[in-house]
């Protein structure tokens, strides 16, 4: 049944009945059921339980009527398979006990052992079985974004230490990205082997990198990752925030779907990247916090702009904010489906 999924058909540029919709971070703090779970479990405890992963992933599909699910996990999770010590702290984010700053530290990172995170692949299989005809998107963090946490030790606004390594110790930086690329490839391939029907690479903070630095230091790794996944024959999504200046390079990686944040006009992206690339996005996430009227007016404009484009998937320009009212998302899904059938806004 998933072969007829409007999400998968759009990813292939094939005819489908209406604009497909899903949301990054569609399972999370905005849901009462998720908040209840978090009173009993930490985020990592949820992400390490196949059964809980399944339940958290499936719930927003049932509640919102979206056209795809994304596996509940975190980009930091597979770092366990590299023997790296980290935590995800409430209201902080990922925190690494011993930031990686030297060649010696990079050399000491062992090869990725996917068996140490088998719970991710078990959760993937359980979730695919529970979703039925709704496709599941597996995911991983991109090497630069993962490196930013490993080098900085925690979330950063400037990525100063990461950039200093990239510029002043390029061999060390490239060695770290090589290790992370190996991990990303195997982690994603194992999710696909467990049944994920699409794969997304989150390069959340790559927008902090200039175009020349991206071309020189990051693009070769991203081309290697997507090249190593091509034989799977499933949609490969690449997303980052603040990437207006990088979209052409991102499309050159071999990704088949490019996620676009809210800062960029989708018709301009379509003109720049051409007709063959699938585009995903790009409602400002703050609109869903602002309420139904703000969300619908922004969505209507986007759907009008992309009317008749078979290679378009509706999403937010980043993840669902925790302050979002679920009713806004439900109405948004319904109306985008309605407008998509009409081929234009109402």
Protein backbone atom coordinates (compact mmCIF):
# COMPACT_ATOMS: atom_id res chain seq x y z
CA UNK A 1 0.00 0.00 0.00
CA UNK A 2 2.87 2.40 0.65
CA UNK A 3 3.66 2.43 -3.07
CA UNK A 4 0.54 4.60 -3.47
CA UNK A 5 1.46 6.93 -0.62
CA UNK A 6 1.08 10.53 -1.80
CA UNK A 7 4.25 11.37 0.11
CA UNK A 8 6.28 8.73 -1.74
CA UNK A 9 4.67 9.58 -5.06
CA UNK A 10 5.59 13.25 -4.61
CA UNK A 11 9.15 12.22 -3.75
CA UNK A 12 9.23 10.43 -7.11
CA UNK A 13 7.56 13.28 -9.02
CA UNK A 14 4.62 11.02 -9.91
CA UNK A 15 0.95 12.02 -10.05
CA UNK A 16 -0.87 11.98 -6.71
CA UNK A 17 -4.18 13.22 -5.36
CA UNK A 18 -3.15 16.18 -3.20
CA UNK A 19 -0.20 17.95 -1.59
CA UNK A 20 1.36 15.63 1.02
CA UNK A 21 1.95 17.00 4.52
CA UNK A 22 4.16 16.03 7.43
CA UNK A 23 5.99 18.01 10.10
CA UNK A 24 9.50 17.84 11.40
CA UNK A 25 9.38 17.22 15.16
CA UNK A 26 5.71 16.21 14.83
CA UNK A 27 6.17 14.11 17.97
CA UNK A 28 7.15 16.26 20.90
CA UNK A 29 6.40 18.63 23.76
CA UNK A 30 3.34 20.23 22.16
CA UNK A 31 1.50 16.90 22.68
CA UNK A 32 -0.14 16.21 26.02
CA UNK A 33 0.57 12.48 25.63
CA UNK A 34 4.28 13.14 25.05
CA UNK A 35 4.52 15.48 28.03
CA UNK A 36 2.94 12.76 30.16
CA UNK A 37 5.59 10.27 29.04
CA UNK A 38 8.35 12.75 29.81
CA UNK A 39 7.25 12.87 33.46
CA UNK A 40 8.26 9.19 33.60
CA UNK A 41 11.12 8.92 31.12
CA UNK A 42 14.02 11.06 29.93
CA UNK A 43 14.30 11.80 26.23
CA UNK A 44 17.11 9.26 25.87
CA UNK A 45 15.13 6.61 27.76
CA UNK A 46 12.30 7.06 25.27
CA UNK A 47 14.73 6.91 22.35
CA UNK A 48 16.30 3.69 23.65
CA UNK A 49 13.02 1.77 24.02
CA UNK A 50 11.77 0.23 20.74
CA UNK A 51 8.22 0.02 22.07
CA UNK A 52 8.14 3.62 23.26
CA UNK A 53 9.78 4.81 20.04
CA UNK A 54 6.97 3.15 18.13
CA UNK A 55 4.24 4.60 20.29
CA UNK A 56 5.63 8.15 20.19
CA UNK A 57 6.19 8.00 16.42
CA UNK A 58 2.73 6.69 15.58
CA UNK A 59 0.69 8.99 17.84
CA UNK A 60 0.94 12.23 15.76
CA UNK A 61 0.08 10.32 12.59
CA UNK A 62 -3.15 9.20 14.22
CA UNK A 63 -3.88 12.60 15.74
CA UNK A 64 -2.97 14.91 12.86
CA UNK A 65 -3.68 12.92 9.69
CA UNK A 66 -0.21 13.56 8.22
CA UNK A 67 1.09 11.60 5.24
CA UNK A 68 4.38 10.38 6.71
CA UNK A 69 5.91 9.57 10.07
CA UNK A 70 9.44 10.32 11.16
CA UNK A 71 11.11 7.96 13.58
CA UNK A 72 11.24 9.25 17.13
CA UNK A 73 14.91 9.39 18.06
CA UNK A 74 17.68 12.00 18.20
CA UNK A 75 20.64 12.76 15.97
CA UNK A 76 22.98 12.14 18.93
CA UNK A 77 21.76 8.60 19.59
CA UNK A 78 24.10 6.71 17.20
CA UNK A 79 27.14 8.36 18.81
CA UNK A 80 26.74 5.65 21.45
CA UNK A 81 27.99 3.26 18.76
CA UNK A 82 31.21 5.30 18.62
CA UNK A 83 31.73 5.02 22.36
CA UNK A 84 31.13 8.73 22.90
CA UNK A 85 29.61 9.98 26.16
CA UNK A 86 26.81 12.53 25.90
CA UNK A 87 23.54 13.54 27.47
CA UNK A 88 20.51 15.49 26.29
CA UNK A 89 19.71 18.00 28.99
CA UNK A 90 16.32 19.65 29.43
CA UNK A 91 16.26 23.24 28.14
CA UNK A 92 19.89 22.91 27.04
CA UNK A 93 20.18 20.21 24.39
CA UNK A 94 23.04 17.80 23.68
CA UNK A 95 25.97 18.03 26.08
CA UNK A 96 29.22 16.14 25.46
CA UNK A 97 31.31 15.26 28.50
CA UNK A 98 34.71 15.52 26.77
CA UNK A 99 34.62 17.81 23.71
CA UNK A 100 36.76 16.60 20.82
CA UNK A 101 39.48 19.12 19.99
CA UNK A 102 42.65 17.17 19.09
CA UNK A 103 43.97 14.73 16.52
CA UNK A 104 44.59 12.24 19.30
CA UNK A 105 40.96 12.30 20.36
CA UNK A 106 39.78 11.74 16.80
CA UNK A 107 42.24 8.87 16.35
CA UNK A 108 40.89 7.18 19.49
CA UNK A 109 37.29 7.03 18.22
CA UNK A 110 36.60 3.37 17.43
CA UNK A 111 34.75 2.18 14.31
CA UNK A 112 30.97 2.52 14.54
CA UNK A 113 29.23 -0.45 16.14
CA UNK A 114 25.63 -0.35 15.02
CA UNK A 115 24.81 -3.27 17.31
CA UNK A 116 25.17 -0.91 20.28
CA UNK A 117 22.10 0.98 19.00
CA UNK A 118 20.11 -2.02 17.79
CA UNK A 119 17.13 -0.58 19.66
CA UNK A 120 16.84 2.06 16.90
CA UNK A 121 16.44 -0.59 14.22
CA UNK A 122 14.12 -2.69 16.37
CA UNK A 123 12.02 0.41 16.95
CA UNK A 124 12.04 1.11 13.22
CA UNK A 125 10.68 -2.34 12.45
CA UNK A 126 7.98 -2.12 15.13
CA UNK A 127 6.96 1.32 13.89
CA UNK A 128 6.72 0.28 10.24
CA UNK A 129 4.46 -2.60 11.26
CA UNK A 130 2.24 -0.28 13.31
CA UNK A 131 1.97 2.42 10.63
CA UNK A 132 0.54 0.20 7.91
CA UNK A 133 0.21 2.27 4.72
CA UNK A 134 1.85 5.40 6.14
CA UNK A 135 5.56 5.54 5.22
CA UNK A 136 8.22 5.96 7.88
CA UNK A 137 11.15 8.36 7.45
CA UNK A 138 14.37 7.28 9.11
CA UNK A 139 17.02 9.90 9.84
CA UNK A 140 20.48 10.85 10.99
CA UNK A 141 22.36 14.02 11.76
CA UNK A 142 24.83 15.29 9.18
CA UNK A 143 28.56 15.20 9.96
CA UNK A 144 28.99 18.97 10.35
CA UNK A 145 26.03 19.35 12.70
CA UNK A 146 27.13 16.35 14.77
CA UNK A 147 30.69 17.67 14.83
CA UNK A 148 29.46 21.03 16.09
CA UNK A 149 28.12 19.34 19.24
CA UNK A 150 31.19 17.13 19.66
CA UNK A 151 33.64 20.01 19.29
CA UNK A 152 31.71 22.73 21.13
CA UNK A 153 30.50 20.36 23.84
CA UNK A 154 27.00 21.83 23.80
CA UNK A 155 24.74 23.95 21.57
CA UNK A 156 26.44 27.07 20.25
CA UNK A 157 25.41 30.29 18.53
CA UNK A 158 28.77 30.98 16.90
CA UNK A 159 30.29 27.49 16.34
CA UNK A 160 33.61 29.19 17.06
CA UNK A 161 35.56 26.12 18.16
CA UNK A 162 34.17 24.09 15.26
CA UNK A 163 35.14 26.72 12.71
CA UNK A 164 38.55 27.18 14.27
CA UNK A 165 39.17 23.45 13.85
CA UNK A 166 37.88 23.55 10.27
CA UNK A 167 40.21 26.46 9.41
CA UNK A 168 43.25 25.90 11.61
CA UNK A 169 43.33 22.09 11.83
CA UNK A 170 41.69 20.95 8.60
CA UNK A 171 43.19 17.44 8.73
CA UNK A 172 41.71 16.88 12.21
CA UNK A 173 38.36 18.29 11.14
CA UNK A 174 38.26 16.15 8.01
CA UNK A 175 39.19 13.10 10.04
CA UNK A 176 36.29 13.74 12.41
CA UNK A 177 33.84 14.22 9.54
CA UNK A 178 35.10 11.02 7.93
CA UNK A 179 34.37 9.04 11.10
CA UNK A 180 30.93 10.60 11.38
CA UNK A 181 30.16 9.98 7.69
CA UNK A 182 30.93 6.28 8.12
CA UNK A 183 28.52 6.20 11.07
CA UNK A 184 25.76 8.09 9.24
CA UNK A 185 25.90 5.77 6.24
CA UNK A 186 25.63 2.57 8.27
CA UNK A 187 23.03 4.00 10.65
CA UNK A 188 20.78 5.04 7.76
CA UNK A 189 21.28 1.83 5.81
CA UNK A 190 20.26 -0.19 8.85
CA UNK A 191 17.11 1.90 9.29
CA UNK A 192 16.25 1.28 5.64
CA UNK A 193 16.93 -2.41 6.15
CA UNK A 194 14.46 -2.37 9.04
CA UNK A 195 11.75 -0.92 6.80
CA UNK A 196 12.13 2.87 6.65
CA UNK A 197 10.79 4.00 3.25
CA UNK A 198 12.66 7.34 3.14
CA UNK A 199 15.73 8.78 4.85
CA UNK A 200 16.42 12.32 6.00
CA UNK A 201 19.76 13.89 6.91
CA UNK A 202 19.44 16.80 9.32
CA UNK A 203 22.20 19.37 8.85
CA UNK A 204 20.50 21.75 11.22
CA UNK A 205 23.39 24.17 11.75
CA UNK A 206 25.12 24.04 8.36
CA UNK A 207 23.72 27.48 7.53
CA UNK A 208 26.44 28.91 9.78
CA UNK A 209 29.05 27.85 7.20
CA UNK A 210 29.97 30.05 4.26
CA UNK A 211 29.58 28.81 0.70
CA UNK A 212 33.30 28.36 0.03
CA UNK A 213 33.85 26.50 3.31
CA UNK A 214 30.89 24.25 2.57
CA UNK A 215 32.20 23.42 -0.89
CA UNK A 216 35.67 22.66 0.40
CA UNK A 217 35.12 21.05 3.80
CA UNK A 218 31.59 19.62 3.88
CA UNK A 219 30.27 18.90 0.39
CA UNK A 220 32.59 15.93 -0.32
CA UNK A 221 31.30 14.14 2.78
CA UNK A 222 27.66 14.81 1.91
CA UNK A 223 28.20 13.56 -1.65
CA UNK A 224 29.77 10.42 -0.24
CA UNK A 225 26.85 9.84 2.14
CA UNK A 226 24.11 10.25 -0.44
CA UNK A 227 26.14 8.33 -3.01
CA UNK A 228 26.40 5.41 -0.58
CA UNK A 229 22.61 5.41 -0.09
CA UNK A 230 21.56 5.78 -3.72
CA UNK A 231 21.31 2.05 -4.35
CA UNK A 232 18.54 1.79 -1.73
CA UNK A 233 16.17 3.35 -4.28
CA UNK A 234 14.25 5.37 -1.69
CA UNK A 235 13.80 9.15 -1.20
CA UNK A 236 16.82 10.87 0.35
CA UNK A 237 16.01 14.17 2.08
CA UNK A 238 18.57 16.84 3.02
CA UNK A 239 17.57 19.68 5.33
CA UNK A 240 19.30 22.56 7.07
CA UNK A 241 18.39 25.92 8.57
CA UNK A 242 19.57 29.23 7.12
CA UNK A 243 20.79 27.57 3.94
CA UNK A 244 19.69 30.08 1.29
CA UNK A 245 23.29 30.43 0.12
CA UNK A 246 23.88 26.66 0.08
CA UNK A 247 20.81 25.25 -1.67
CA UNK A 248 22.50 24.71 -5.03
CA UNK A 249 25.39 22.89 -3.37
CA UNK A 250 22.99 20.85 -1.25
CA UNK A 251 21.12 19.79 -4.38
CA UNK A 252 24.45 18.68 -5.88
CA UNK A 253 24.98 16.14 -3.08
CA UNK A 254 22.72 13.53 -4.66
CA UNK A 255 19.83 14.11 -2.26
CA UNK A 256 16.51 13.68 -4.04
CA UNK A 257 14.50 15.99 -1.74
CA UNK A 258 15.70 19.36 -0.44
CA UNK A 259 14.08 20.77 2.69
CA UNK A 260 13.82 24.57 2.62
CA UNK A 261 13.48 26.78 5.69
CA UNK A 262 11.02 29.66 5.99
CA UNK A 263 13.42 32.41 4.96
CA UNK A 264 13.44 31.47 1.29
CA UNK A 265 10.76 31.96 -1.39
CA UNK A 266 9.95 28.50 -2.75
CA UNK A 267 9.34 29.60 -6.37
CA UNK A 268 12.82 31.13 -6.37
CA UNK A 269 14.26 27.85 -5.12
CA UNK A 270 12.39 25.96 -7.82
CA UNK A 271 13.76 28.36 -10.46
CA UNK A 272 17.31 27.98 -9.11
CA UNK A 273 17.35 24.22 -8.64
CA UNK A 274 15.23 23.23 -11.63
CA UNK A 275 12.19 21.05 -12.07
CA UNK A 276 13.63 17.65 -11.10
CA UNK A 277 14.49 18.27 -7.44
CA UNK A 278 11.70 17.64 -4.93
CA UNK A 279 11.16 20.57 -2.56
CA UNK A 280 9.88 20.35 1.00
CA UNK A 281 8.76 23.20 3.25
CA UNK A 282 8.51 25.88 4.30
CA UNK A 283 5.96 27.54 6.61
CA UNK A 284 7.49 29.71 9.35
CA UNK A 285 7.15 27.54 12.51
CA UNK A 286 6.15 30.59 14.54
CA UNK A 287 2.95 30.82 12.50
CA UNK A 288 1.59 27.65 14.09
CA UNK A 289 2.32 29.14 17.51
CA UNK A 290 0.59 32.38 16.49
CA UNK A 291 -2.64 30.48 15.87
CA UNK A 292 -4.91 29.07 13.20
CA UNK A 293 -5.42 32.26 11.20
CA UNK A 294 -1.69 32.99 10.95
CA UNK A 295 -0.87 29.39 10.08
CA UNK A 296 -3.56 29.07 7.42
CA UNK A 297 -2.83 32.39 5.72
CA UNK A 298 0.86 31.49 5.41
CA UNK A 299 0.11 27.97 4.24
CA UNK A 300 -2.42 29.14 1.67
CA UNK A 301 0.15 31.44 0.12
CA UNK A 302 2.70 28.63 -0.11
CA UNK A 303 0.22 26.16 -1.61
CA UNK A 304 -0.77 28.75 -4.22
CA UNK A 305 2.88 29.32 -5.08
CA UNK A 306 3.48 25.59 -5.57
CA UNK A 307 0.13 24.74 -7.20
CA UNK A 308 0.43 21.99 -9.76
CA UNK A 309 4.02 21.12 -8.84
CA UNK A 310 4.18 17.30 -8.55
CA UNK A 311 7.51 17.48 -6.72
CA UNK A 312 6.41 19.42 -3.67
CA UNK A 313 5.78 18.35 -0.05
CA UNK A 314 4.32 20.70 2.57
CA UNK A 315 6.18 21.03 5.86
CA UNK A 316 7.26 23.68 8.30
CA UNK A 317 10.57 25.45 7.75
CA UNK A 318 11.89 23.76 10.90
CA UNK A 319 10.45 21.63 13.72
CA UNK A 320 7.10 22.08 15.44
CA UNK A 321 7.59 24.45 18.42
CA UNK A 322 6.64 23.04 21.81
CA UNK A 323 4.14 25.91 22.38
CA UNK A 324 2.01 24.81 19.40
CA UNK A 325 -1.68 24.00 19.85
CA UNK A 326 -2.30 20.58 18.23
CA UNK A 327 -5.64 21.84 16.88
CA UNK A 328 -3.74 24.30 14.70
CA UNK A 329 -1.73 21.48 13.16
CA UNK A 330 -4.84 19.36 12.58
CA UNK A 331 -6.59 22.21 10.80
CA UNK A 332 -3.47 22.97 8.82
CA UNK A 333 -3.19 19.39 7.53
CA UNK A 334 -6.86 19.34 6.57
CA UNK A 335 -6.76 22.64 4.73
CA UNK A 336 -3.54 21.94 2.84
CA UNK A 337 -5.03 18.66 1.67
CA UNK A 338 -8.16 20.52 0.60
CA UNK A 339 -6.26 23.25 -1.24
CA UNK A 340 -3.91 20.73 -2.80
CA UNK A 341 -6.86 18.90 -4.38
CA UNK A 342 -8.10 22.18 -5.82
CA UNK A 343 -4.63 22.99 -7.08
CA UNK A 344 -4.67 26.38 -5.39
CA UNK A 345 -5.59 28.20 -2.20
CA UNK A 346 -9.27 28.72 -1.42
